[in-house]
N, C-alpha and C. Protein backbone atom coordinates (compact mmCIF):
# COMPACT_ATOMS: atom_id res chain seq x y z
N MET A 1 0.84 -1.19 0.00
CA MET A 1 0.00 0.00 0.00
C MET A 1 0.88 1.25 0.00
N GLN A 2 0.48 2.20 -0.80
CA GLN A 2 1.23 3.46 -0.87
C GLN A 2 1.01 4.28 0.39
N THR A 3 2.07 4.96 0.78
CA THR A 3 1.99 5.90 1.89
C THR A 3 2.66 7.20 1.43
N ILE A 4 2.46 8.25 2.19
CA ILE A 4 3.12 9.51 1.87
C ILE A 4 4.63 9.30 1.90
N GLN A 5 5.11 8.57 2.90
CA GLN A 5 6.55 8.35 3.03
C GLN A 5 7.11 7.52 1.87
N SER A 6 6.38 6.48 1.45
CA SER A 6 6.89 5.66 0.34
C SER A 6 6.95 6.47 -0.96
N LEU A 7 5.98 7.36 -1.16
CA LEU A 7 6.01 8.22 -2.35
C LEU A 7 7.13 9.25 -2.25
N GLN A 8 7.36 9.80 -1.06
CA GLN A 8 8.48 10.74 -0.88
C GLN A 8 9.81 10.05 -1.15
N ASP A 9 9.95 8.81 -0.67
CA ASP A 9 11.18 8.04 -0.93
C ASP A 9 11.35 7.80 -2.43
N GLN A 10 10.26 7.48 -3.10
CA GLN A 10 10.32 7.26 -4.55
C GLN A 10 10.68 8.55 -5.28
N LEU A 11 10.13 9.68 -4.84
CA LEU A 11 10.46 10.98 -5.44
C LEU A 11 11.95 11.28 -5.29
N ASN A 12 12.52 10.93 -4.15
CA ASN A 12 13.93 11.20 -3.89
C ASN A 12 14.87 10.28 -4.65
N SER A 13 14.39 9.12 -5.08
CA SER A 13 15.26 8.15 -5.73
C SER A 13 14.99 7.96 -7.22
N THR A 14 13.95 8.60 -7.74
CA THR A 14 13.54 8.41 -9.14
C THR A 14 13.73 9.70 -9.92
N PRO A 15 14.47 9.66 -11.03
CA PRO A 15 14.68 10.90 -11.77
C PRO A 15 13.42 11.46 -12.43
N ALA A 16 12.49 10.60 -12.83
CA ALA A 16 11.29 11.06 -13.51
C ALA A 16 10.10 10.22 -13.03
N LEU A 17 9.11 10.92 -12.47
CA LEU A 17 7.96 10.23 -11.87
C LEU A 17 6.68 10.98 -12.15
N ILE A 18 5.65 10.24 -12.51
CA ILE A 18 4.30 10.80 -12.65
C ILE A 18 3.43 10.20 -11.57
N LEU A 19 2.70 11.05 -10.87
CA LEU A 19 1.67 10.61 -9.96
C LEU A 19 0.33 10.89 -10.63
N TYR A 20 -0.45 9.84 -10.84
CA TYR A 20 -1.74 9.95 -11.51
C TYR A 20 -2.83 9.72 -10.47
N PHE A 21 -3.55 10.78 -10.12
CA PHE A 21 -4.59 10.71 -9.11
C PHE A 21 -5.93 10.46 -9.78
N SER A 22 -6.64 9.45 -9.31
CA SER A 22 -7.93 9.10 -9.90
C SER A 22 -8.81 8.45 -8.83
N ALA A 23 -9.99 8.03 -9.27
CA ALA A 23 -10.93 7.31 -8.41
C ALA A 23 -11.63 6.27 -9.27
N PRO A 24 -12.06 5.17 -8.66
CA PRO A 24 -12.66 4.08 -9.44
C PRO A 24 -13.88 4.48 -10.27
N GLU A 25 -14.70 5.40 -9.78
CA GLU A 25 -15.93 5.74 -10.52
C GLU A 25 -15.73 6.86 -11.55
N CYS A 26 -14.51 7.32 -11.72
CA CYS A 26 -14.23 8.43 -12.64
C CYS A 26 -14.03 7.89 -14.07
N ASN A 27 -15.00 8.14 -14.93
CA ASN A 27 -14.92 7.66 -16.32
C ASN A 27 -13.80 8.33 -17.10
N VAL A 28 -13.58 9.62 -16.87
CA VAL A 28 -12.49 10.32 -17.56
C VAL A 28 -11.15 9.74 -17.14
N CYS A 29 -10.99 9.48 -15.84
CA CYS A 29 -9.75 8.88 -15.34
C CYS A 29 -9.49 7.54 -16.02
N TYR A 30 -10.55 6.75 -16.12
CA TYR A 30 -10.46 5.42 -16.72
C TYR A 30 -10.06 5.50 -18.20
N ALA A 31 -10.59 6.46 -18.93
CA ALA A 31 -10.28 6.60 -20.35
C ALA A 31 -8.90 7.20 -20.59
N LEU A 32 -8.51 8.15 -19.76
CA LEU A 32 -7.24 8.86 -19.96
C LEU A 32 -6.02 8.03 -19.56
N LYS A 33 -6.14 7.27 -18.50
CA LYS A 33 -5.00 6.56 -17.92
C LYS A 33 -4.22 5.71 -18.93
N PRO A 34 -4.83 4.78 -19.65
CA PRO A 34 -4.02 3.95 -20.56
C PRO A 34 -3.38 4.75 -21.69
N LYS A 35 -4.06 5.77 -22.16
CA LYS A 35 -3.49 6.61 -23.23
C LYS A 35 -2.27 7.36 -22.73
N LEU A 36 -2.38 7.93 -21.54
CA LEU A 36 -1.26 8.67 -20.96
C LEU A 36 -0.09 7.75 -20.66
N PHE A 37 -0.36 6.61 -20.05
CA PHE A 37 0.71 5.67 -19.69
C PHE A 37 1.44 5.19 -20.95
N TYR A 38 0.69 4.84 -21.99
CA TYR A 38 1.30 4.37 -23.23
C TYR A 38 2.16 5.47 -23.86
N ALA A 39 1.66 6.68 -23.92
CA ALA A 39 2.40 7.79 -24.54
C ALA A 39 3.67 8.10 -23.77
N VAL A 40 3.60 8.11 -22.45
CA VAL A 40 4.80 8.40 -21.64
C VAL A 40 5.84 7.31 -21.85
N MET A 41 5.43 6.05 -21.80
CA MET A 41 6.38 4.96 -21.97
C MET A 41 6.97 4.92 -23.39
N ALA A 42 6.20 5.34 -24.37
CA ALA A 42 6.68 5.34 -25.75
C ALA A 42 7.67 6.48 -26.02
N HIS A 43 7.53 7.60 -25.30
CA HIS A 43 8.35 8.77 -25.55
C HIS A 43 9.53 8.94 -24.61
N PHE A 44 9.41 8.45 -23.39
CA PHE A 44 10.41 8.78 -22.37
C PHE A 44 10.93 7.55 -21.66
N ASP A 45 12.23 7.56 -21.46
CA ASP A 45 12.86 6.52 -20.67
C ASP A 45 13.98 7.17 -19.88
N PRO A 46 14.12 7.01 -18.64
CA PRO A 46 13.23 6.28 -17.74
C PRO A 46 12.12 7.17 -17.22
N PHE A 47 11.00 6.60 -16.94
CA PHE A 47 9.88 7.31 -16.33
C PHE A 47 9.07 6.30 -15.54
N GLU A 48 8.79 6.61 -14.30
CA GLU A 48 7.93 5.75 -13.49
C GLU A 48 6.59 6.44 -13.32
N ILE A 49 5.54 5.63 -13.26
CA ILE A 49 4.19 6.16 -13.09
C ILE A 49 3.52 5.43 -11.94
N GLU A 50 2.95 6.20 -11.04
CA GLU A 50 2.20 5.64 -9.92
C GLU A 50 0.77 6.16 -9.98
N THR A 51 -0.18 5.27 -9.78
CA THR A 51 -1.59 5.64 -9.71
C THR A 51 -2.00 5.72 -8.26
N ILE A 52 -2.64 6.81 -7.89
CA ILE A 52 -3.11 7.00 -6.53
C ILE A 52 -4.63 7.12 -6.55
N ASP A 53 -5.29 6.20 -5.86
CA ASP A 53 -6.74 6.21 -5.72
C ASP A 53 -7.07 7.15 -4.56
N ILE A 54 -7.68 8.29 -4.88
CA ILE A 54 -7.93 9.28 -3.82
C ILE A 54 -8.99 8.83 -2.82
N GLU A 55 -9.81 7.86 -3.19
CA GLU A 55 -10.79 7.34 -2.24
C GLU A 55 -10.12 6.43 -1.22
N ALA A 56 -9.16 5.64 -1.66
CA ALA A 56 -8.46 4.71 -0.76
C ALA A 56 -7.41 5.42 0.09
N THR A 57 -6.82 6.49 -0.46
CA THR A 57 -5.74 7.19 0.24
C THR A 57 -5.94 8.71 0.17
N PRO A 58 -6.99 9.22 0.82
CA PRO A 58 -7.24 10.66 0.77
C PRO A 58 -6.13 11.48 1.42
N ASP A 59 -5.39 10.88 2.35
CA ASP A 59 -4.28 11.59 2.99
C ASP A 59 -3.18 11.92 1.99
N ILE A 60 -2.95 11.03 1.03
CA ILE A 60 -1.93 11.28 0.00
C ILE A 60 -2.38 12.41 -0.91
N ALA A 61 -3.64 12.37 -1.32
CA ALA A 61 -4.17 13.44 -2.17
C ALA A 61 -4.06 14.79 -1.47
N ALA A 62 -4.43 14.83 -0.22
CA ALA A 62 -4.35 16.09 0.54
C ALA A 62 -2.90 16.55 0.68
N HIS A 63 -2.00 15.62 0.93
CA HIS A 63 -0.58 15.97 1.08
C HIS A 63 -0.03 16.66 -0.18
N PHE A 64 -0.46 16.18 -1.35
CA PHE A 64 0.01 16.75 -2.61
C PHE A 64 -0.91 17.85 -3.14
N GLY A 65 -1.92 18.24 -2.37
CA GLY A 65 -2.80 19.33 -2.76
C GLY A 65 -3.68 18.99 -3.95
N VAL A 66 -4.12 17.75 -4.02
CA VAL A 66 -4.96 17.31 -5.13
C VAL A 66 -6.40 17.21 -4.64
N PHE A 67 -7.28 17.98 -5.29
CA PHE A 67 -8.68 18.03 -4.88
C PHE A 67 -9.64 17.79 -6.04
N ALA A 68 -9.10 17.49 -7.23
CA ALA A 68 -9.91 17.20 -8.41
C ALA A 68 -9.28 16.02 -9.13
N ILE A 69 -10.11 15.26 -9.83
CA ILE A 69 -9.59 14.14 -10.59
C ILE A 69 -10.07 14.21 -12.03
N PRO A 70 -9.33 13.70 -12.98
CA PRO A 70 -7.97 13.22 -12.81
C PRO A 70 -7.00 14.38 -12.62
N THR A 71 -5.93 14.11 -11.89
CA THR A 71 -4.83 15.06 -11.74
C THR A 71 -3.53 14.32 -12.03
N VAL A 72 -2.68 14.98 -12.79
CA VAL A 72 -1.37 14.43 -13.13
C VAL A 72 -0.31 15.37 -12.56
N LEU A 73 0.58 14.81 -11.74
CA LEU A 73 1.73 15.56 -11.24
C LEU A 73 2.97 14.93 -11.83
N VAL A 74 3.80 15.75 -12.47
CA VAL A 74 5.04 15.28 -13.06
C VAL A 74 6.20 15.82 -12.24
N PHE A 75 7.05 14.92 -11.79
CA PHE A 75 8.22 15.29 -11.00
C PHE A 75 9.47 14.93 -11.79
N LEU A 76 10.38 15.88 -11.91
CA LEU A 76 11.69 15.64 -12.53
C LEU A 76 12.74 15.94 -11.47
N GLN A 77 13.56 14.95 -11.21
CA GLN A 77 14.61 15.04 -10.19
C GLN A 77 14.05 15.49 -8.84
N GLY A 78 12.89 14.92 -8.48
CA GLY A 78 12.30 15.16 -7.18
C GLY A 78 11.52 16.44 -7.02
N LYS A 79 11.48 17.26 -8.04
CA LYS A 79 10.78 18.56 -7.97
C LYS A 79 9.55 18.51 -8.87
N GLU A 80 8.45 19.08 -8.35
CA GLU A 80 7.24 19.13 -9.17
C GLU A 80 7.48 20.05 -10.35
N PHE A 81 7.28 19.50 -11.53
CA PHE A 81 7.51 20.25 -12.76
C PHE A 81 6.19 20.64 -13.43
N LEU A 82 5.19 19.78 -13.36
CA LEU A 82 3.94 20.01 -14.08
C LEU A 82 2.78 19.48 -13.26
N ARG A 83 1.69 20.25 -13.27
CA ARG A 83 0.45 19.84 -12.60
C ARG A 83 -0.70 20.12 -13.55
N LYS A 84 -1.45 19.08 -13.87
CA LYS A 84 -2.62 19.21 -14.74
C LYS A 84 -3.80 18.53 -14.08
N SER A 85 -4.94 19.21 -14.10
CA SER A 85 -6.16 18.64 -13.53
C SER A 85 -7.31 18.76 -14.50
N ARG A 86 -8.16 17.78 -14.44
CA ARG A 86 -9.41 17.73 -15.19
C ARG A 86 -9.25 17.82 -16.69
N HIS A 87 -9.17 19.01 -17.24
CA HIS A 87 -9.16 19.19 -18.69
C HIS A 87 -7.73 19.21 -19.21
N MET A 88 -7.31 18.09 -19.78
CA MET A 88 -5.95 17.96 -20.28
C MET A 88 -5.96 16.98 -21.43
N SER A 89 -4.95 17.09 -22.26
CA SER A 89 -4.79 16.11 -23.33
C SER A 89 -3.44 15.43 -23.16
N VAL A 90 -3.37 14.22 -23.65
CA VAL A 90 -2.12 13.46 -23.58
C VAL A 90 -1.04 14.20 -24.36
N ASP A 91 -1.36 14.69 -25.54
CA ASP A 91 -0.37 15.41 -26.36
C ASP A 91 0.17 16.63 -25.64
N GLU A 92 -0.68 17.35 -24.95
CA GLU A 92 -0.27 18.53 -24.20
C GLU A 92 0.74 18.16 -23.11
N ILE A 93 0.47 17.09 -22.39
CA ILE A 93 1.37 16.65 -21.33
C ILE A 93 2.71 16.21 -21.92
N ILE A 94 2.68 15.42 -22.98
CA ILE A 94 3.91 14.94 -23.62
C ILE A 94 4.73 16.13 -24.11
N GLU A 95 4.08 17.09 -24.74
CA GLU A 95 4.78 18.26 -25.26
C GLU A 95 5.47 19.05 -24.14
N GLN A 96 4.81 19.19 -23.02
CA GLN A 96 5.38 19.98 -21.92
C GLN A 96 6.50 19.25 -21.19
N ILE A 97 6.50 17.93 -21.24
CA ILE A 97 7.55 17.15 -20.58
C ILE A 97 8.78 17.00 -21.48
N GLU A 98 8.59 16.99 -22.78
CA GLU A 98 9.63 16.58 -23.73
C GLU A 98 10.97 17.30 -23.57
N ARG A 99 10.97 18.59 -23.64
CA ARG A 99 12.25 19.33 -23.59
C ARG A 99 12.97 19.18 -22.25
N PRO A 100 12.31 19.42 -21.12
CA PRO A 100 13.03 19.28 -19.85
C PRO A 100 13.50 17.84 -19.60
N HIS A 101 12.74 16.87 -20.04
CA HIS A 101 13.16 15.48 -19.87
C HIS A 101 14.40 15.20 -20.71
N ARG A 102 14.40 15.69 -21.93
CA ARG A 102 15.56 15.49 -22.81
C ARG A 102 16.80 16.14 -22.21
N LEU A 103 16.67 17.34 -21.66
CA LEU A 103 17.80 18.02 -21.03
C LEU A 103 18.29 17.26 -19.80
N MET A 104 17.36 16.73 -19.03
CA MET A 104 17.71 15.99 -17.83
C MET A 104 18.47 14.71 -18.15
N CYS A 105 18.10 14.06 -19.24
CA CYS A 105 18.68 12.76 -19.57
C CYS A 105 19.88 12.85 -20.51
N SER A 106 20.23 14.04 -20.95
CA SER A 106 21.37 14.12 -21.89
C SER A 106 22.67 14.40 -21.18
């Protein structure tokens, strides 16, 4: 089970991490998740992705200031780089990650 501490440890040890906040009854979350995961894995290496169910772990959502779903938080070298909630496209997220990720990995 994910905890705030386990996610903080992962942030400190992972160069590129996405936290994907969703809930089981969210249809948009359900539709967006596989598209986003596939696009990130196809474009970027290394990148880790964690899904956080805000109903099961509301303390984690509150810790990261997430109050709407879906929400995507992108961390590069442990620092929050991008935050998108509700209305987002996969292409928009990939475009915003591309340059800083390339600089980080070169």
